[in-house]
């Protein structure tokens, strides 16, 4: 059954709420992590960025294998499947 749903947009929610924090982005092919320092309509900017090749246990303090990819790294928002604060 189809239902009408009211969608309410909350300003400052989502990626914007995480600015200045170390985020983890689960994307189509890779996992990226770093300090979220910029967000616009097409991409996000990570400072001290890493690509995570092996997460290990999510309860662990460190990634099993994360390689630094640069002091700044842009990720397309269209490639992000989920995001949050993990480590």
N, C-alpha and C. Protein backbone atom coordinates (compact mmCIF):
# COMPACT_ATOMS: atom_id res chain seq x y z
N UNK A 1 0.84 -1.16 0.00
CA UNK A 1 0.00 0.00 0.00
C UNK A 1 0.89 1.24 0.00
N UNK A 2 0.59 2.16 -0.86
CA UNK A 2 1.32 3.43 -0.91
C UNK A 2 0.73 4.39 0.10
N UNK A 3 1.62 5.12 0.75
CA UNK A 3 1.19 6.10 1.74
C UNK A 3 1.88 7.42 1.46
N UNK A 4 1.21 8.49 1.77
CA UNK A 4 1.83 9.81 1.71
C UNK A 4 2.64 10.00 2.98
N UNK A 5 3.87 10.42 2.80
CA UNK A 5 4.76 10.62 3.94
C UNK A 5 5.28 12.05 3.91
N UNK A 6 5.25 12.71 5.04
CA UNK A 6 5.78 14.06 5.14
C UNK A 6 7.26 13.95 5.52
N UNK A 7 8.11 14.49 4.67
CA UNK A 7 9.55 14.50 4.92
C UNK A 7 9.93 15.88 5.44
N UNK A 8 10.55 15.90 6.59
CA UNK A 8 10.94 17.16 7.20
C UNK A 8 12.46 17.26 7.19
N UNK A 9 12.98 18.32 6.59
CA UNK A 9 14.42 18.54 6.55
C UNK A 9 14.84 19.35 7.77
N UNK A 10 15.85 18.85 8.46
CA UNK A 10 16.35 19.52 9.66
C UNK A 10 17.70 20.14 9.32
N UNK A 11 17.81 21.45 9.43
CA UNK A 11 19.05 22.14 9.09
C UNK A 11 20.17 21.76 10.05
N UNK A 12 21.36 21.54 9.50
CA UNK A 12 22.50 21.20 10.33
C UNK A 12 22.55 19.74 10.73
N UNK A 13 21.79 18.90 10.11
CA UNK A 13 21.74 17.47 10.41
C UNK A 13 22.60 16.72 9.40
N UNK A 14 22.89 15.47 9.65
CA UNK A 14 23.65 14.64 8.72
C UNK A 14 25.12 15.00 8.71
N UNK A 15 25.71 15.07 7.53
CA UNK A 15 27.14 15.37 7.42
C UNK A 15 27.50 16.71 8.05
N UNK A 16 26.64 17.69 7.91
CA UNK A 16 26.93 19.01 8.50
C UNK A 16 27.10 18.94 10.01
N UNK A 17 26.35 18.08 10.66
CA UNK A 17 26.43 17.95 12.10
C UNK A 17 27.76 17.34 12.55
N UNK A 18 28.47 16.68 11.63
CA UNK A 18 29.71 16.00 11.96
C UNK A 18 30.96 16.80 11.60
N UNK A 19 30.80 18.02 11.12
CA UNK A 19 31.96 18.86 10.77
C UNK A 19 32.90 18.99 11.96
N UNK A 20 34.20 18.83 11.69
CA UNK A 20 35.21 18.95 12.73
C UNK A 20 35.50 17.66 13.48
N UNK A 21 34.76 16.60 13.17
CA UNK A 21 34.94 15.31 13.84
C UNK A 21 35.56 14.30 12.87
N UNK A 22 36.16 13.26 13.42
CA UNK A 22 36.72 12.19 12.60
C UNK A 22 35.58 11.25 12.21
N UNK A 23 35.29 11.21 10.91
CA UNK A 23 34.17 10.42 10.39
C UNK A 23 34.69 9.22 9.60
N UNK A 24 33.83 8.24 9.43
CA UNK A 24 34.10 7.10 8.56
C UNK A 24 33.01 7.08 7.51
N UNK A 25 33.43 7.03 6.24
CA UNK A 25 32.50 7.02 5.11
C UNK A 25 32.56 5.66 4.43
N UNK A 26 31.47 4.93 4.45
CA UNK A 26 31.37 3.67 3.71
C UNK A 26 30.87 4.03 2.32
N UNK A 27 31.72 3.83 1.32
CA UNK A 27 31.40 4.22 -0.06
C UNK A 27 31.23 2.99 -0.94
N UNK A 28 30.93 3.22 -2.21
CA UNK A 28 30.67 2.13 -3.14
C UNK A 28 31.80 1.11 -3.20
N UNK A 29 33.04 1.57 -3.21
CA UNK A 29 34.17 0.64 -3.34
C UNK A 29 35.11 0.65 -2.15
N UNK A 30 35.21 1.73 -1.43
CA UNK A 30 36.18 1.85 -0.36
C UNK A 30 35.56 2.45 0.89
N UNK A 31 36.32 2.39 1.98
CA UNK A 31 35.97 3.04 3.23
C UNK A 31 37.01 4.13 3.45
N UNK A 32 36.55 5.35 3.70
CA UNK A 32 37.45 6.48 3.95
C UNK A 32 37.23 6.97 5.37
N UNK A 33 38.28 7.50 5.99
CA UNK A 33 38.16 8.08 7.30
C UNK A 33 39.08 9.29 7.40
N UNK A 34 38.69 10.24 8.20
CA UNK A 34 39.46 11.46 8.40
C UNK A 34 38.60 12.52 9.03
N UNK A 35 39.22 13.66 9.33
CA UNK A 35 38.46 14.77 9.92
C UNK A 35 37.63 15.44 8.84
N UNK A 36 36.34 15.53 9.05
CA UNK A 36 35.44 16.17 8.09
C UNK A 36 35.56 17.68 8.23
N UNK A 37 36.14 18.31 7.21
CA UNK A 37 36.37 19.76 7.29
C UNK A 37 35.56 20.55 6.26
N UNK A 38 34.88 19.88 5.34
CA UNK A 38 34.09 20.59 4.34
C UNK A 38 32.97 19.72 3.78
N UNK A 39 31.84 20.36 3.52
CA UNK A 39 30.68 19.69 2.91
C UNK A 39 30.03 20.66 1.95
N UNK A 40 29.80 20.21 0.71
CA UNK A 40 28.97 21.00 -0.21
C UNK A 40 27.99 20.06 -0.90
N UNK A 41 27.35 20.49 -1.96
CA UNK A 41 26.30 19.68 -2.57
C UNK A 41 26.84 18.47 -3.33
N UNK A 42 28.13 18.47 -3.70
CA UNK A 42 28.65 17.35 -4.49
C UNK A 42 29.71 16.51 -3.79
N UNK A 43 30.42 17.09 -2.82
CA UNK A 43 31.50 16.32 -2.20
C UNK A 43 31.76 16.77 -0.77
N UNK A 44 32.54 15.94 -0.08
CA UNK A 44 33.00 16.26 1.26
C UNK A 44 34.53 16.32 1.22
N UNK A 45 35.11 17.05 2.14
CA UNK A 45 36.56 17.18 2.24
C UNK A 45 37.02 16.60 3.57
N UNK A 46 37.94 15.63 3.48
CA UNK A 46 38.53 15.02 4.67
C UNK A 46 39.95 15.53 4.85
N UNK A 47 40.30 15.84 6.08
CA UNK A 47 41.66 16.25 6.43
C UNK A 47 42.34 15.04 7.07
N UNK A 48 43.65 14.84 6.77
CA UNK A 48 44.38 13.67 7.28
C UNK A 48 43.61 12.39 6.93
N UNK A 49 43.36 12.22 5.65
CA UNK A 49 42.49 11.15 5.17
C UNK A 49 43.20 9.81 5.04
N UNK A 50 42.45 8.75 5.27
CA UNK A 50 42.92 7.38 5.12
C UNK A 50 41.90 6.59 4.32
N UNK A 51 42.38 5.60 3.56
CA UNK A 51 41.49 4.61 2.96
C UNK A 51 41.68 3.34 3.79
N UNK A 52 40.58 2.73 4.18
CA UNK A 52 40.61 1.56 5.06
C UNK A 52 40.46 0.32 4.20
N UNK A 53 41.50 -0.52 4.18
CA UNK A 53 41.47 -1.75 3.39
C UNK A 53 40.99 -2.94 4.21
N UNK A 54 41.21 -2.90 5.53
CA UNK A 54 40.77 -3.97 6.42
C UNK A 54 40.36 -3.33 7.73
N UNK A 55 39.09 -3.44 8.08
CA UNK A 55 38.59 -2.78 9.29
C UNK A 55 39.03 -3.48 10.56
N UNK A 56 39.16 -4.80 10.52
CA UNK A 56 39.33 -5.54 11.76
C UNK A 56 38.04 -5.45 12.54
N UNK A 57 38.11 -5.66 13.84
CA UNK A 57 36.92 -5.56 14.68
C UNK A 57 36.49 -4.11 14.81
N UNK A 58 35.21 -3.85 14.69
CA UNK A 58 34.71 -2.49 14.87
C UNK A 58 34.82 -2.03 16.32
N UNK A 59 35.01 -2.95 17.24
CA UNK A 59 35.19 -2.60 18.64
C UNK A 59 36.64 -2.23 18.96
N UNK A 60 37.56 -2.52 18.03
CA UNK A 60 38.97 -2.19 18.22
C UNK A 60 39.18 -0.69 18.07
N UNK A 61 40.18 -0.17 18.77
CA UNK A 61 40.48 1.27 18.70
C UNK A 61 41.08 1.66 17.35
N UNK A 62 41.83 0.74 16.72
CA UNK A 62 42.52 1.03 15.47
C UNK A 62 42.02 0.15 14.34
N UNK A 63 42.21 0.62 13.11
CA UNK A 63 41.90 -0.16 11.93
C UNK A 63 42.98 -1.23 11.74
N UNK A 64 42.62 -2.37 11.18
CA UNK A 64 43.60 -3.43 10.90
C UNK A 64 44.55 -2.99 9.79
N UNK A 65 44.03 -2.30 8.77
CA UNK A 65 44.89 -1.79 7.68
C UNK A 65 44.25 -0.54 7.10
N UNK A 66 44.82 0.61 7.43
CA UNK A 66 44.38 1.90 6.88
C UNK A 66 45.60 2.63 6.36
N UNK A 67 45.52 3.07 5.11
CA UNK A 67 46.66 3.72 4.46
C UNK A 67 46.35 5.21 4.26
N UNK A 68 47.29 6.05 4.67
CA UNK A 68 47.11 7.49 4.51
C UNK A 68 47.15 7.85 3.03
N UNK A 69 46.20 8.66 2.61
CA UNK A 69 46.14 9.03 1.19
C UNK A 69 46.37 10.52 0.96
N UNK A 70 46.60 11.26 2.01
CA UNK A 70 46.92 12.66 1.80
C UNK A 70 46.44 13.56 2.91
N UNK A 71 46.98 14.78 2.90
CA UNK A 71 46.55 15.74 3.92
C UNK A 71 45.11 16.20 3.70
N UNK A 72 44.66 16.18 2.45
CA UNK A 72 43.26 16.50 2.13
C UNK A 72 42.77 15.54 1.05
N UNK A 73 41.52 15.12 1.17
CA UNK A 73 40.96 14.19 0.19
C UNK A 73 39.48 14.48 0.02
N UNK A 74 39.04 14.56 -1.24
CA UNK A 74 37.64 14.80 -1.56
C UNK A 74 36.94 13.49 -1.89
N UNK A 75 35.73 13.33 -1.39
CA UNK A 75 34.91 12.15 -1.67
C UNK A 75 33.56 12.63 -2.20
N UNK A 76 33.13 12.05 -3.32
CA UNK A 76 31.84 12.40 -3.91
C UNK A 76 30.70 11.93 -3.01
N UNK A 77 29.78 12.81 -2.71
CA UNK A 77 28.63 12.45 -1.87
C UNK A 77 27.81 11.34 -2.53
N UNK A 78 27.74 11.33 -3.85
CA UNK A 78 26.95 10.31 -4.54
C UNK A 78 27.50 8.90 -4.34
N UNK A 79 28.77 8.78 -3.92
CA UNK A 79 29.38 7.46 -3.69
C UNK A 79 29.21 6.99 -2.25
N UNK A 80 28.78 7.87 -1.34
CA UNK A 80 28.67 7.51 0.08
C UNK A 80 27.40 6.71 0.31
N UNK A 81 27.56 5.51 0.90
CA UNK A 81 26.42 4.67 1.24
C UNK A 81 25.97 4.91 2.67
N UNK A 82 26.93 5.09 3.57
CA UNK A 82 26.60 5.39 4.97
C UNK A 82 27.81 6.08 5.60
N UNK A 83 27.57 6.73 6.74
CA UNK A 83 28.65 7.46 7.39
C UNK A 83 28.35 7.59 8.87
N UNK A 84 29.42 7.86 9.64
CA UNK A 84 29.22 8.06 11.07
C UNK A 84 30.55 8.19 11.79
N UNK A 85 30.47 8.13 13.11
CA UNK A 85 31.64 8.22 13.98
C UNK A 85 31.91 6.81 14.50
N UNK A 86 33.12 6.29 14.19
CA UNK A 86 33.44 4.92 14.63
C UNK A 86 34.62 4.86 15.58
N UNK A 87 35.72 5.48 15.24
CA UNK A 87 36.96 5.31 16.00
C UNK A 87 37.29 6.57 16.77
